[in-house]
Amino acid sequence: MSTTYHPKRHLNGNRPKSFATAAISAAALASATLALAGAATAAPAGPAAVDQTVSQLQAEGYQVIVNKVGTDPLSQCAISAVRPGQTYSRTDSGAPGAQDDLITTVIEKTVYVELAC
């Protein structure tokens, strides 16, 4: 008795699983890309007071972490950089009204504000 390998039969048996994995991976990648793009555009243009910048970022939903280099008070510090941090999200189909669609929900997003004092 000999066994013959049938590539088409093997590939078709894994198609639903492969499609679901590809769809979830694509959703996660799109979520990460949007999150990084959002943090990059969240930085205010031009010189601004530190407290105004932090307030604006917090109003946009970011958890703001301030890194200060120097000993001057915050009122004399200049913002040297605003960098995106970790974004936490979840992708599921259990969201109300989602039916069979996958929905990605951003749970928390972080941004780093670097100060030179």
C-alpha atoms as a PDB file:
ATOM      1  CA  MET A   1       0.000   0.000   0.000  1.00  0.00           C
ATOM      2  CA  SER A   2       1.508   3.328  -0.988  1.00  0.00           C
ATOM      3  CA  THR A   3       0.515   6.779   0.148  1.00  0.00           C
ATOM      4  CA  THR A   4       0.559   9.732  -2.178  1.00  0.00           C
ATOM      5  CA  TYR A   5       0.964  13.319  -1.013  1.00  0.00           C
ATOM      6  CA  HIS A   6      -1.731  15.617  -2.389  1.00  0.00           C
ATOM      7  CA  PRO A   7      -0.650  19.271  -1.996  1.00  0.00           C
ATOM      8  CA  LYS A   8      -4.071  20.673  -2.888  1.00  0.00           C
ATOM      9  CA  ARG A   9      -5.837  18.602  -0.271  1.00  0.00           C
ATOM     10  CA  HIS A  10      -3.297  19.669   2.361  1.00  0.00           C
ATOM     11  CA  LEU A  11      -3.545  23.392   1.559  1.00  0.00           C
ATOM     12  CA  ASN A  12      -7.330  23.476   1.396  1.00  0.00           C
ATOM     13  CA  GLY A  13      -7.603  21.908   4.843  1.00  0.00           C
ATOM     14  CA  ASN A  14      -5.777  24.865   6.455  1.00  0.00           C
ATOM     15  CA  ARG A  15      -7.346  27.693   4.493  1.00  0.00           C
ATOM     16  CA  PRO A  16      -9.847  28.991   7.124  1.00  0.00           C
ATOM     17  CA  LYS A  17      -7.211  28.956   9.851  1.00  0.00           C
ATOM     18  CA  SER A  18      -4.643  30.707   7.625  1.00  0.00           C
ATOM     19  CA  PHE A  19      -7.175  33.323   6.554  1.00  0.00           C
ATOM     20  CA  ALA A  20      -8.145  34.088  10.149  1.00  0.00           C
ATOM     21  CA  THR A  21      -4.488  34.386  11.171  1.00  0.00           C
ATOM     22  CA  ALA A  22      -3.763  36.693   8.239  1.00  0.00           C
ATOM     23  CA  ALA A  23      -6.803  38.861   9.022  1.00  0.00           C
ATOM     24  CA  ILE A  24      -5.853  39.234  12.683  1.00  0.00           C
ATOM     25  CA  SER A  25      -2.236  40.019  11.786  1.00  0.00           C
ATOM     26  CA  ALA A  26      -3.335  42.657   9.273  1.00  0.00           C
ATOM     27  CA  ALA A  27      -5.648  44.276  11.843  1.00  0.00           C
ATOM     28  CA  ALA A  28      -2.884  44.381  14.459  1.00  0.00           C
ATOM     29  CA  LEU A  29      -0.416  45.894  11.976  1.00  0.00           C
ATOM     30  CA  ALA A  30      -2.932  48.535  10.893  1.00  0.00           C
ATOM     31  CA  SER A  31      -3.653  49.397  14.519  1.00  0.00           C
ATOM     32  CA  ALA A  32       0.043  49.812  15.326  1.00  0.00           C
ATOM     33  CA  THR A  33       0.596  51.974  12.245  1.00  0.00           C
ATOM     34  CA  LEU A  34      -2.321  54.261  13.093  1.00  0.00           C
ATOM     35  CA  ALA A  35      -1.227  54.563  16.703  1.00  0.00           C
ATOM     36  CA  LEU A  36       2.297  55.632  15.748  1.00  0.00           C
ATOM     37  CA  ALA A  37       0.999  58.079  13.166  1.00  0.00           C
ATOM     38  CA  GLY A  38      -1.360  59.588  15.750  1.00  0.00           C
ATOM     39  CA  ALA A  39       1.436  60.140  18.266  1.00  0.00           C
ATOM     40  CA  ALA A  40       3.612  61.776  15.623  1.00  0.00           C
ATOM     41  CA  THR A  41       0.872  64.256  14.698  1.00  0.00           C
ATOM     42  CA  ALA A  42      -0.019  64.924  18.344  1.00  0.00           C
ATOM     43  CA  ALA A  43       3.104  67.007  18.914  1.00  0.00           C
ATOM     44  CA  PRO A  44       2.206  70.684  18.844  1.00  0.00           C
ATOM     45  CA  ALA A  45       3.936  72.840  16.231  1.00  0.00           C
ATOM     46  CA  GLY A  46       6.293  75.604  17.323  1.00  0.00           C
ATOM     47  CA  PRO A  47       7.505  76.497  20.808  1.00  0.00           C
ATOM     48  CA  ALA A  48       4.937  75.997  23.542  1.00  0.00           C
ATOM     49  CA  ALA A  49       4.887  75.979  27.296  1.00  0.00           C
ATOM     50  CA  VAL A  50       5.443  72.564  28.826  1.00  0.00           C
ATOM     51  CA  ASP A  51       2.185  72.589  30.775  1.00  0.00           C
ATOM     52  CA  GLN A  52       0.181  73.543  27.659  1.00  0.00           C
ATOM     53  CA  THR A  53       1.731  70.723  25.647  1.00  0.00           C
ATOM     54  CA  VAL A  54       1.164  68.139  28.389  1.00  0.00           C
ATOM     55  CA  SER A  55      -2.456  69.303  28.820  1.00  0.00           C
ATOM     56  CA  GLN A  56      -3.099  69.115  25.076  1.00  0.00           C
ATOM     57  CA  LEU A  57      -1.679  65.586  24.813  1.00  0.00           C
ATOM     58  CA  GLN A  58      -3.671  64.423  27.846  1.00  0.00           C
ATOM     59  CA  ALA A  59      -6.840  65.914  26.328  1.00  0.00           C
ATOM     60  CA  GLU A  60      -6.160  63.809  23.213  1.00  0.00           C
ATOM     61  CA  GLY A  61      -6.123  60.685  25.382  1.00  0.00           C
ATOM     62  CA  TYR A  62      -2.395  60.131  25.869  1.00  0.00           C
ATOM     63  CA  GLN A  63      -0.684  59.085  29.075  1.00  0.00           C
ATOM     64  CA  VAL A  64       2.188  61.611  29.133  1.00  0.00           C
ATOM     65  CA  ILE A  65       5.595  60.766  30.572  1.00  0.00           C
ATOM     66  CA  VAL A  66       7.912  63.773  30.993  1.00  0.00           C
ATOM     67  CA  ASN A  67      11.702  63.286  30.949  1.00  0.00           C
ATOM     68  CA  LYS A  68      13.613  66.334  32.172  1.00  0.00           C
ATOM     69  CA  VAL A  69      17.340  66.981  31.720  1.00  0.00           C
ATOM     70  CA  GLY A  70      18.640  69.848  33.862  1.00  0.00           C
ATOM     71  CA  THR A  71      17.789  71.536  37.135  1.00  0.00           C
ATOM     72  CA  ASP A  72      15.829  74.614  36.010  1.00  0.00           C
ATOM     73  CA  PRO A  73      12.114  74.880  36.893  1.00  0.00           C
ATOM     74  CA  LEU A  74       9.588  73.673  34.293  1.00  0.00           C
ATOM     75  CA  SER A  75       8.723  77.244  33.349  1.00  0.00           C
ATOM     76  CA  GLN A  76      12.255  77.647  31.940  1.00  0.00           C
ATOM     77  CA  CYS A  77      12.426  74.296  30.126  1.00  0.00           C
ATOM     78  CA  ALA A  78      12.143  73.827  26.383  1.00  0.00           C
ATOM     79  CA  ILE A  79      10.576  70.793  24.732  1.00  0.00           C
ATOM     80  CA  SER A  80      13.295  68.990  22.816  1.00  0.00           C
ATOM     81  CA  ALA A  81      11.248  66.030  21.561  1.00  0.00           C
ATOM     82  CA  VAL A  82       7.857  64.333  21.652  1.00  0.00           C
ATOM     83  CA  ARG A  83       8.141  60.604  21.019  1.00  0.00           C
ATOM     84  CA  PRO A  84       5.461  57.920  20.721  1.00  0.00           C
ATOM     85  CA  GLY A  85       5.379  55.264  23.414  1.00  0.00           C
ATOM     86  CA  GLN A  86       3.586  51.946  23.764  1.00  0.00           C
ATOM     87  CA  THR A  87       0.014  51.646  22.550  1.00  0.00           C
ATOM     88  CA  TYR A  88      -2.160  48.911  23.997  1.00  0.00           C
ATOM     89  CA  SER A  89      -5.091  47.677  21.966  1.00  0.00           C
ATOM     90  CA  ARG A  90      -7.258  44.625  21.607  1.00  0.00           C
ATOM     91  CA  THR A  91      -8.880  43.106  18.557  1.00  0.00           C
ATOM     92  CA  ASP A  92     -11.971  40.978  18.951  1.00  0.00           C
ATOM     93  CA  SER A  93     -15.343  40.232  17.462  1.00  0.00           C
ATOM     94  CA  GLY A  94     -17.260  40.448  20.728  1.00  0.00           C
ATOM     95  CA  ALA A  95     -17.857  44.202  20.595  1.00  0.00           C
ATOM     96  CA  PRO A  96     -21.524  45.277  20.599  1.00  0.00           C
ATOM     97  CA  GLY A  97     -22.797  45.742  17.071  1.00  0.00           C
ATOM     98  CA  ALA A  98     -19.695  44.153  15.509  1.00  0.00           C
ATOM     99  CA  GLN A  99     -21.538  41.031  14.323  1.00  0.00           C
ATOM    100  CA  ASP A 100     -18.781  38.938  12.661  1.00  0.00           C
ATOM    101  CA  ASP A 101     -16.392  41.863  12.064  1.00  0.00           C
ATOM    102  CA  LEU A 102     -13.126  42.244  13.960  1.00  0.00           C
ATOM    103  CA  ILE A 103     -12.979  45.478  15.941  1.00  0.00           C
ATOM    104  CA  THR A 104      -9.719  46.989  17.251  1.00  0.00           C
ATOM    105  CA  THR A 105     -10.062  49.107  20.383  1.00  0.00           C
ATOM    106  CA  VAL A 106      -7.193  51.266  21.688  1.00  0.00           C
ATOM    107  CA  ILE A 107      -7.066  50.801  25.437  1.00  0.00           C
ATOM    108  CA  GLU A 108      -4.132  53.059  26.316  1.00  0.00           C
ATOM    109  CA  LYS A 109      -1.560  55.117  24.435  1.00  0.00           C
ATOM    110  CA  THR A 110       1.602  56.694  25.806  1.00  0.00           C
ATOM    111  CA  VAL A 111       3.752  59.583  24.623  1.00  0.00           C
ATOM    112  CA  TYR A 112       7.129  60.791  25.950  1.00  0.00           C
ATOM    113  CA  VAL A 113       7.878  64.513  26.241  1.00  0.00           C
ATOM    114  CA  GLU A 114      11.617  65.297  26.503  1.00  0.00           C
ATOM    115  CA  LEU A 115      12.614  68.564  28.192  1.00  0.00           C
ATOM    116  CA  ALA A 116      15.921  70.445  28.144  1.00  0.00           C
ATOM    117  CA  CYS A 117      16.289  72.792  31.129  1.00  0.00           C
END
